[in-house]
Amino acid sequence: MAVKPSHILGMNARYRYTKLNPASARKYGFSKLLTKQMLEEHNIATPKIFHIFKTIQDVEEINWEAIPVPFVIKPVSGSAGKGVWIIKKKVPNEAKWMNQENEIISRSDLILHVENILDGEFSTWGSNHRAMIEELIPPHPSLAKYAYKGTPDIRVVVFNQVPVMAMARIPTPESQGRANLDKGAIALGIDLATGSTTYGLKGKKEYIKYFPGTKRKVRGILIPQWKQVLETAVKASLAAGFVYMGADIFIHPDRGPMIVELNVFPGLSIQMANKAGLKRRLQRVEGIEVRNAEHGVKIAQALFAGKFADKIHTPDDMPIISLKPSVEVIDDHGKPHDCLAIVDTKRSRSIISEEFADQLGLVDLDDLLWRQQETIEGKLPVVSVSFNLKGKRIDTAMMVSKRLNRTKHKLELGKRDLQNFLVGPGNS
């Protein structure tokens, strides 16, 4: 799949979007502690903090044996996994622990590492260096079998309260059980509409179809609680006041999506994992009025549904429809309604009659996704519409047109909704 260079977001172009973030929001990208405090105030799930180290005296006073295992030690102002220690087990009856590589860690090792963090060895920003201990989130069972020892996470890039791109980061032996692409973790692009993985990228360089050393495909893994993952990312951006940001999310087996941290400058390799450009997607959502997190997710899923080769049938398998097919449109209560449609392959997005959409309860304020410029009628509302055509269910977004109120056909079907059909002299 080729990506147009004009669609790619580079580091210089990214600044155009990061500078839109107010100073009141940017501080959360530089401090995990401030982020956690803000998230807790807004009832957004995040891993628990067990302890904060501000001074060397704090290190001397802590009772390490009282910290619940497993836990993570990390700098408050770090990035890219620098200085992160994962402690998985406590050695019984000894002042020793084991990390995810089953190496023995002594109390003096823990103290020395925290002191190094306090000295600023692993901090990326600022001069007020602190360390923290937080709970280790176990991997969700649906994802655990793909990961080496550590917990996979989901990176979601949000702009204007709309998720525009996402990827899963899967720990490997090379990354020592961490979801760190620079260390060799695997990135999986994710279709925003379905939460299904699309492409695999190992260590930012090598595209893969299977997990190394296995016959497990990287494509087609369904991310659990996908809608909640996206909504959690948008809620965090709203709470912090970000215009553009990246959210890193764990999926707890019992507690669901949890924000790990927020990024002011989310990395650009997410474009490689998705074989898609961020720049084009950012342009498409700029200026759209978004009411809340759920609305932002609806917009994302309508705009950025993936199109994959394994979903496209050969011509022999594709149903043939006439230029004026009969369809069943699903109303607000899930009931189908017959109507006549017309095919317009010059049109990209389909349109629906305003009177017909209103009759089916599809044009309430809660159903409005965004408004889109139409050459003849100006800005038209766009709403979610589901319909059946030739035994296939299509979930899409359509513009609402008054022009179709005067015609026999109540839908004009555009190219977006005709991906798996041939148009010809077949029966309707």
Protein backbone atom coordinates (compact mmCIF):
# COMPACT_ATOMS: atom_id res chain seq x y z
CA MET A 1 0.00 0.00 0.00
CA ALA A 2 1.63 3.25 -1.15
CA VAL A 3 1.25 6.37 0.97
CA LYS A 4 1.40 9.73 -0.77
CA PRO A 5 4.33 11.80 0.54
CA SER A 6 1.99 14.79 0.86
CA HIS A 7 -0.05 12.83 3.43
CA ILE A 8 2.91 12.15 5.74
CA LEU A 9 3.42 14.28 8.86
CA GLY A 10 7.08 15.13 9.47
CA MET A 11 8.71 16.57 12.58
CA ASN A 12 8.56 20.16 11.35
CA ALA A 13 4.91 19.85 10.29
CA ARG A 14 4.08 18.22 13.63
CA TYR A 15 5.07 21.45 15.38
CA ARG A 16 2.17 23.20 13.70
CA TYR A 17 -0.17 20.97 15.71
CA THR A 18 1.75 20.65 18.98
CA LYS A 19 1.97 24.45 19.30
CA LEU A 20 -1.84 24.55 19.42
CA ASN A 21 -1.70 23.01 22.90
CA PRO A 22 -2.03 25.62 25.66
CA ALA A 23 0.66 25.79 28.35
CA SER A 24 -1.90 24.52 30.86
CA ALA A 25 -2.05 21.24 28.91
CA ARG A 26 1.63 20.87 27.96
CA LYS A 27 2.67 20.42 31.60
CA TYR A 28 0.90 17.04 31.65
CA GLY A 29 3.15 15.80 28.87
CA PHE A 30 6.21 16.54 31.01
CA SER A 31 5.11 15.01 34.32
CA LYS A 32 3.56 11.58 34.86
CA LEU A 33 2.66 12.61 38.40
CA LEU A 34 0.69 15.70 37.35
CA THR A 35 -1.02 13.59 34.69
CA LYS A 36 -2.12 10.98 37.22
CA GLN A 37 -3.44 13.59 39.61
CA MET A 38 -5.44 15.23 36.82
CA LEU A 39 -6.84 11.90 35.59
CA GLU A 40 -7.93 10.88 39.08
CA GLU A 41 -9.71 14.22 39.54
CA HIS A 42 -11.68 13.47 36.33
CA ASN A 43 -12.37 9.82 37.23
CA ILE A 44 -10.30 8.54 34.31
CA ALA A 45 -8.64 5.21 35.10
CA THR A 46 -4.86 5.17 35.54
CA PRO A 47 -2.44 2.81 37.34
CA LYS A 48 -2.16 3.37 41.10
CA ILE A 49 0.84 5.13 42.59
CA PHE A 50 2.45 3.30 45.52
CA HIS A 51 5.16 5.83 46.37
CA ILE A 52 6.79 9.10 45.26
CA PHE A 53 10.48 9.84 45.87
CA LYS A 54 11.39 13.51 46.05
CA THR A 55 14.65 13.38 48.01
CA ILE A 56 17.37 10.94 49.03
CA GLN A 57 15.79 10.89 52.49
CA ASP A 58 12.63 9.40 50.96
CA VAL A 59 14.74 6.52 49.66
CA GLU A 60 16.16 5.82 53.09
CA GLU A 61 12.76 5.81 54.78
CA ILE A 62 10.78 3.51 52.45
CA ASN A 63 9.89 -0.03 53.49
CA TRP A 64 10.48 -1.89 50.21
CA GLU A 65 8.99 -5.11 51.54
CA ALA A 66 5.64 -3.34 51.99
CA ILE A 67 5.32 -2.39 48.31
CA PRO A 68 2.79 -4.73 46.60
CA VAL A 69 4.31 -6.76 43.78
CA PRO A 70 4.38 -6.55 40.86
CA PHE A 71 5.38 -2.90 40.55
CA VAL A 72 7.20 -0.47 38.25
CA ILE A 73 9.86 2.10 39.14
CA LYS A 74 10.13 5.03 36.73
CA PRO A 75 11.19 8.69 36.54
CA VAL A 76 8.35 11.19 36.86
CA SER A 77 9.71 13.21 33.92
CA GLY A 78 11.03 10.49 31.64
CA SER A 79 10.21 9.23 28.16
CA ALA A 80 10.86 6.35 25.74
CA GLY A 81 11.02 3.85 28.59
CA LYS A 82 14.27 5.30 29.98
CA GLY A 83 14.91 4.32 33.60
CA VAL A 84 11.87 2.04 33.85
CA TRP A 85 12.35 -1.06 36.02
CA ILE A 86 9.69 -3.76 36.12
CA ILE A 87 9.66 -5.86 39.30
CA LYS A 88 7.58 -9.03 38.92
CA LYS A 89 8.14 -11.07 42.10
CA LYS A 90 9.38 -10.91 45.67
CA VAL A 91 11.84 -13.59 46.76
CA PRO A 92 10.29 -15.19 49.89
CA ASN A 93 11.98 -14.40 53.21
CA GLU A 94 14.72 -12.33 51.58
CA ALA A 95 15.24 -8.67 50.73
CA LYS A 96 15.38 -9.58 47.05
CA TRP A 97 13.09 -9.29 44.04
CA MET A 98 12.98 -10.57 40.45
CA ASN A 99 12.53 -8.45 37.33
CA GLN A 100 10.74 -9.57 34.14
CA GLU A 101 13.98 -11.18 32.92
CA ASN A 102 14.09 -13.25 36.14
CA GLU A 103 17.21 -11.44 37.30
CA ILE A 104 17.69 -11.01 41.05
CA ILE A 105 17.36 -7.41 42.29
CA SER A 106 18.54 -6.57 45.79
CA ARG A 107 17.33 -3.79 48.06
CA SER A 108 20.59 -1.93 47.43
CA ASP A 109 19.99 -2.28 43.66
CA LEU A 110 16.55 -0.66 44.05
CA ILE A 111 17.96 2.15 46.18
CA LEU A 112 20.79 2.85 43.75
CA HIS A 113 18.40 2.97 40.78
CA VAL A 114 16.06 5.42 42.53
CA GLU A 115 19.03 7.59 43.50
CA ASN A 116 20.14 7.63 39.85
CA ILE A 117 16.65 8.80 38.84
CA LEU A 118 16.77 11.53 41.50
CA ASP A 119 20.15 12.61 40.10
CA GLY A 120 18.45 13.19 36.73
CA GLU A 121 20.12 10.32 34.86
CA PHE A 122 16.90 9.24 33.11
CA SER A 123 14.82 12.43 33.14
CA THR A 124 13.97 14.02 29.81
CA TRP A 125 12.55 17.34 30.99
CA GLY A 126 13.06 19.81 33.82
CA SER A 127 15.47 19.96 36.75
CA ASN A 128 13.16 18.79 39.55
CA HIS A 129 13.92 15.06 39.28
CA ARG A 130 11.61 12.64 41.06
CA ALA A 131 10.93 8.92 40.95
CA MET A 132 7.71 6.98 41.41
CA ILE A 133 6.54 3.44 42.06
CA GLU A 134 3.27 2.41 40.45
CA GLU A 135 1.33 -0.81 40.05
CA LEU A 136 2.21 -3.09 37.16
CA ILE A 137 -0.80 -3.67 34.92
CA PRO A 138 -1.08 -7.30 33.75
CA PRO A 139 -1.72 -7.92 30.03
CA HIS A 140 -5.26 -8.52 28.86
CA PRO A 141 -5.75 -12.24 28.08
CA SER A 142 -6.65 -11.40 24.46
CA LEU A 143 -3.22 -9.82 23.95
CA ALA A 144 -1.00 -11.70 26.40
CA LYS A 145 -0.24 -14.57 24.01
CA TYR A 146 1.36 -12.19 21.52
CA ALA A 147 3.63 -10.43 24.03
CA TYR A 148 6.96 -11.47 25.51
CA LYS A 149 6.62 -11.15 29.30
CA GLY A 150 5.54 -7.48 29.35
CA THR A 151 2.20 -5.71 28.86
CA PRO A 152 1.19 -4.48 25.39
CA ASP A 153 -0.09 -0.91 25.20
CA ILE A 154 -2.17 1.09 22.75
CA ARG A 155 -1.02 4.47 21.42
CA VAL A 156 -3.88 6.70 20.24
CA VAL A 157 -3.21 10.07 18.57
CA VAL A 158 -6.03 12.54 19.21
CA PHE A 159 -6.60 15.86 17.44
CA ASN A 160 -9.55 18.19 17.93
CA GLN A 161 -11.13 15.54 20.23
CA VAL A 162 -11.08 12.96 17.40
CA PRO A 163 -8.87 9.84 17.41
CA VAL A 164 -6.98 10.03 14.12
CA MET A 165 -4.61 7.03 14.33
CA ALA A 166 -3.75 4.18 16.67
CA MET A 167 -1.29 1.33 17.06
CA ALA A 168 -0.61 -1.51 19.48
CA ARG A 169 2.93 -1.94 20.80
CA ILE A 170 3.86 -5.53 21.60
CA PRO A 171 6.87 -6.41 23.83
CA THR A 172 9.49 -8.79 22.39
CA PRO A 173 12.65 -10.50 23.68
CA GLU A 174 14.68 -7.77 21.93
CA SER A 175 12.77 -5.06 23.81
CA GLN A 176 13.24 -7.02 27.08
CA GLY A 177 9.52 -7.26 27.67
CA ARG A 178 8.82 -3.56 27.17
CA ALA A 179 6.50 -1.93 24.64
CA ASN A 180 9.35 0.20 23.30
CA LEU A 181 9.72 0.35 19.51
CA ASP A 182 13.25 1.79 19.71
CA LYS A 183 14.30 -1.35 21.58
CA GLY A 184 12.69 -3.75 19.10
CA ALA A 185 9.05 -4.05 20.16
CA ILE A 186 6.46 -4.75 17.45
CA ALA A 187 4.02 -2.06 16.28
CA LEU A 188 0.63 -3.09 14.89
CA GLY A 189 -1.51 -0.61 12.98
CA ILE A 190 -5.17 -0.60 14.03
CA ASP A 191 -8.31 0.04 11.98
CA LEU A 192 -10.13 2.74 13.96
CA ALA A 193 -13.57 1.52 12.93
CA THR A 194 -13.22 -2.09 14.08
CA GLY A 195 -10.24 -2.23 16.44
CA SER A 196 -8.68 -4.92 14.21
CA THR A 197 -4.92 -4.92 13.64
CA THR A 198 -3.76 -4.30 10.09
CA TYR A 199 0.01 -4.20 9.50
CA GLY A 200 3.00 -5.30 11.57
CA LEU A 201 6.27 -3.39 11.99
CA LYS A 202 9.24 -4.74 13.96
CA GLY A 203 11.56 -2.19 15.50
CA LYS A 204 10.48 0.67 13.20
CA LYS A 205 12.21 -0.98 10.23
CA GLU A 206 10.90 -4.36 9.12
CA TYR A 207 7.34 -5.11 8.00
CA ILE A 208 6.17 -8.54 9.16
CA LYS A 209 3.11 -10.69 8.45
CA TYR A 210 3.67 -13.13 11.33
CA PHE A 211 5.01 -12.78 14.84
CA PRO A 212 8.67 -13.86 14.73
CA GLY A 213 9.14 -17.61 15.17
CA THR A 214 5.39 -18.34 15.02
CA LYS A 215 2.56 -18.84 12.54
CA ARG A 216 0.45 -16.20 14.25
CA LYS A 217 -0.64 -13.46 11.85
CA VAL A 218 -0.18 -9.85 12.94
CA ARG A 219 -3.34 -8.89 11.02
CA GLY A 220 -6.84 -9.44 12.34
CA ILE A 221 -6.23 -9.28 16.11
CA LEU A 222 -9.27 -7.62 17.72
CA ILE A 223 -8.28 -5.14 20.42
CA PRO A 224 -10.61 -5.70 23.41
CA GLN A 225 -12.99 -2.93 24.54
CA TRP A 226 -12.00 -0.93 21.49
CA LYS A 227 -14.63 1.80 21.70
CA GLN A 228 -13.80 2.36 25.39
CA VAL A 229 -10.09 2.60 24.49
CA LEU A 230 -10.79 5.40 22.01
CA GLU A 231 -13.23 7.18 24.33
CA THR A 232 -10.70 7.01 27.18
CA ALA A 233 -8.09 8.70 24.99
CA VAL A 234 -10.48 11.49 24.01
CA LYS A 235 -11.68 11.99 27.60
CA ALA A 236 -8.06 12.39 28.70
CA SER A 237 -7.40 14.98 25.97
CA LEU A 238 -10.49 16.92 27.04
CA ALA A 239 -9.60 16.76 30.74
CA ALA A 240 -6.04 17.95 30.13
CA GLY A 241 -7.02 20.55 27.53
CA PHE A 242 -4.91 19.10 24.69
CA VAL A 243 -5.67 19.95 21.08
CA TYR A 244 -3.10 17.44 19.74
CA MET A 245 -1.55 14.63 21.75
CA GLY A 246 -0.83 10.93 22.06
CA ALA A 247 -2.32 8.75 24.79
CA ASP A 248 -0.67 5.51 25.92
CA ILE A 249 -3.23 3.04 27.24
CA PHE A 250 -3.11 -0.33 29.00
CA ILE A 251 -6.15 -2.60 28.96
CA HIS A 252 -6.55 -4.11 32.43
CA PRO A 253 -8.21 -7.56 32.39
CA ASP A 254 -10.81 -6.41 34.95
CA ARG A 255 -10.70 -2.61 35.09
CA GLY A 256 -10.58 -1.91 31.36
CA PRO A 257 -8.63 0.85 29.56
CA MET A 258 -6.22 2.86 31.73
CA ILE A 259 -4.13 5.88 30.75
CA VAL A 260 -0.41 5.30 31.33
CA GLU A 261 0.78 8.69 30.14
CA LEU A 262 0.05 11.54 27.74
CA ASN A 263 2.51 12.70 25.08
CA VAL A 264 2.95 16.26 23.87
CA PHE A 265 5.14 15.07 20.97
CA PRO A 266 3.81 11.61 20.01
CA GLY A 267 6.22 9.76 17.71
CA LEU A 268 5.63 9.62 13.96
CA SER A 269 6.35 5.92 13.40
CA ILE A 270 2.65 5.25 14.00
CA GLN A 271 2.27 6.25 10.31
CA MET A 272 4.55 3.39 9.25
CA ALA A 273 2.58 0.91 11.38
CA ASN A 274 -0.67 1.98 9.69
CA LYS A 275 0.77 2.60 6.20
CA ALA A 276 -1.14 5.87 6.31
CA GLY A 277 -0.26 9.55 6.69
CA LEU A 278 -1.19 11.56 9.77
CA LYS A 279 -1.11 14.87 7.92
CA ARG A 280 -4.06 13.99 5.70
CA ARG A 281 -6.10 12.71 8.64
CA LEU A 282 -5.40 15.80 10.73
CA GLN A 283 -6.55 18.00 7.86
CA ARG A 284 -9.81 16.06 7.60
CA VAL A 285 -10.86 16.67 11.21
CA GLU A 286 -9.58 20.21 11.60
CA GLY A 287 -12.44 22.57 12.37
CA ILE A 288 -15.07 19.86 12.93
CA GLU A 289 -17.29 20.66 15.91
CA VAL A 290 -17.10 17.79 18.41
CA ARG A 291 -19.62 17.59 21.26
CA ASN A 292 -18.06 14.97 23.52
CA ALA A 293 -15.79 11.90 23.58
CA GLU A 294 -18.43 9.55 22.18
CA HIS A 295 -19.10 11.93 19.30
CA GLY A 296 -15.37 12.22 18.58
CA VAL A 297 -15.08 8.42 18.36
CA LYS A 298 -18.08 8.21 16.01
CA ILE A 299 -16.43 10.74 13.70
CA ALA A 300 -13.16 8.79 13.73
CA GLN A 301 -14.83 5.51 12.95
CA ALA A 302 -16.83 7.04 10.10
CA LEU A 303 -13.85 8.83 8.54
CA PHE A 304 -11.02 6.36 8.98
CA ALA A 305 -12.43 2.87 8.45
CA GLY A 306 -9.68 0.78 6.90
CA LYS A 307 -9.87 -0.91 3.50
CA PHE A 308 -7.81 -4.10 3.35
CA ALA A 309 -7.00 -6.40 0.47
CA ASP A 310 -8.26 -9.48 2.28
CA LYS A 311 -11.70 -7.92 2.55
CA ILE A 312 -11.98 -7.26 -1.18
CA HIS A 313 -13.54 -10.04 -3.22
CA THR A 314 -12.52 -11.08 -6.70
CA PRO A 315 -14.92 -10.02 -9.46
CA ASP A 316 -16.37 -13.55 -9.58
CA ASP A 317 -17.31 -13.30 -5.90
CA MET A 318 -18.66 -9.76 -5.97
CA PRO A 319 -22.43 -9.32 -6.22
CA ILE A 320 -23.71 -7.29 -9.16
CA ILE A 321 -26.16 -4.49 -8.45
CA SER A 322 -28.19 -2.40 -10.85
CA LEU A 323 -27.95 1.35 -11.18
CA LYS A 324 -31.20 1.62 -9.20
CA PRO A 325 -31.01 -1.06 -6.48
CA SER A 326 -33.54 -1.64 -3.72
CA VAL A 327 -32.07 -1.37 -0.22
CA GLU A 328 -33.20 -1.75 3.39
CA VAL A 329 -32.29 1.19 5.62
CA ILE A 330 -32.18 0.48 9.37
CA ASP A 331 -34.08 2.97 11.55
CA ASP A 332 -33.13 4.26 15.00
CA HIS A 333 -34.80 1.21 16.61
CA GLY A 334 -33.09 -1.38 14.39
CA LYS A 335 -36.07 -1.97 12.08
CA PRO A 336 -35.43 -2.22 8.29
CA HIS A 337 -37.29 0.01 5.78
CA ASP A 338 -37.37 -0.64 2.02
CA CYS A 339 -36.47 2.18 -0.32
CA LEU A 340 -35.12 2.82 -3.79
CA ALA A 341 -31.53 3.98 -4.25
CA ILE A 342 -29.51 5.19 -7.21
CA VAL A 343 -25.81 4.58 -7.87
CA ASP A 344 -23.58 7.60 -8.51
CA THR A 345 -19.96 6.46 -8.93
CA LYS A 346 -18.83 10.06 -9.42
CA ARG A 347 -19.78 10.70 -5.79
CA SER A 348 -17.47 9.67 -2.95
CA ARG A 349 -19.80 9.81 0.08
CA SER A 350 -23.42 8.63 -0.14
CA ILE A 351 -26.35 10.93 0.61
CA ILE A 352 -29.79 10.28 2.11
CA SER A 353 -33.05 12.21 1.80
CA GLU A 354 -33.61 14.56 4.74
CA GLU A 355 -37.32 13.62 5.03
CA PHE A 356 -36.54 9.89 4.89
CA ALA A 357 -33.71 10.17 7.44
CA ASP A 358 -35.97 12.19 9.76
CA GLN A 359 -38.75 9.61 9.37
CA LEU A 360 -36.29 6.89 10.47
CA GLY A 361 -35.05 8.93 13.46
CA LEU A 362 -31.52 9.32 12.08
CA VAL A 363 -31.10 13.10 12.28
CA ASP A 364 -31.33 13.87 15.98
CA LEU A 365 -28.59 16.10 17.40
CA ASP A 366 -26.93 13.04 18.93
CA ASP A 367 -26.71 11.44 15.46
CA LEU A 368 -24.92 14.39 13.82
CA LEU A 369 -21.27 13.51 13.09
CA TRP A 370 -20.11 16.69 11.35
CA ARG A 371 -21.07 19.05 8.52
CA GLN A 372 -19.55 18.62 5.05
CA GLN A 373 -19.39 21.07 2.16
CA GLU A 374 -21.45 20.01 -0.88
CA THR A 375 -21.04 21.88 -4.17
CA ILE A 376 -24.75 22.58 -4.80
CA GLU A 377 -26.35 22.63 -1.35
CA GLY A 378 -23.55 24.04 0.80
CA LYS A 379 -22.76 22.52 4.22
CA LEU A 380 -24.77 19.36 4.82
CA PRO A 381 -25.11 17.36 8.07
CA VAL A 382 -23.41 13.95 8.10
CA VAL A 383 -25.05 11.11 10.09
CA SER A 384 -24.47 7.40 10.71
CA VAL A 385 -26.58 5.15 8.46
CA SER A 386 -26.81 1.35 8.27
CA PHE A 387 -28.40 -0.39 5.30
CA ASN A 388 -28.65 -3.82 3.69
CA LEU A 389 -27.76 -4.28 0.02
CA LYS A 390 -27.74 -7.71 -1.67
CA GLY A 391 -27.62 -9.42 1.72
CA LYS A 392 -24.69 -7.33 2.94
CA ARG A 393 -24.87 -4.98 5.94
CA ILE A 394 -23.11 -1.65 5.38
CA ASP A 395 -22.45 0.76 8.26
CA THR A 396 -21.46 4.14 6.93
CA ALA A 397 -21.80 7.92 7.21
CA MET A 398 -24.04 9.80 4.77
CA MET A 399 -24.76 13.44 4.02
CA VAL A 400 -28.37 14.51 4.57
CA SER A 401 -29.86 16.24 1.51
CA LYS A 402 -33.09 18.17 0.99
CA ARG A 403 -32.68 17.69 -2.76
CA LEU A 404 -33.58 13.99 -2.47
CA ASN A 405 -36.91 14.85 -0.81
CA ARG A 406 -38.29 15.49 -4.32
CA THR A 407 -37.03 12.25 -5.92
CA LYS A 408 -38.27 8.64 -5.94
CA HIS A 409 -34.90 7.35 -4.73
CA LYS A 410 -34.06 8.17 -1.12
CA LEU A 411 -30.35 7.29 -1.28
CA GLU A 412 -27.57 8.14 -3.70
CA LEU A 413 -24.82 5.56 -3.21
CA GLY A 414 -21.24 6.78 -3.59
CA LYS A 415 -17.99 4.89 -4.14
CA ARG A 416 -17.23 4.51 -0.42
CA ASP A 417 -20.22 2.19 0.06
CA LEU A 418 -19.77 0.20 -3.16
CA GLN A 419 -16.34 -1.30 -2.43
CA ASN A 420 -17.56 -4.91 -2.58
CA PHE A 421 -20.07 -4.61 -5.43
CA LEU A 422 -19.99 -4.54 -9.20
CA VAL A 423 -22.38 -2.12 -10.87
CA GLY A 424 -23.95 -3.47 -14.04
CA PRO A 425 -27.04 -4.89 -15.62
CA GLY A 426 -27.75 -7.26 -12.73
CA ASN A 427 -31.04 -7.48 -10.87
CA SER A 428 -31.66 -5.09 -8.04
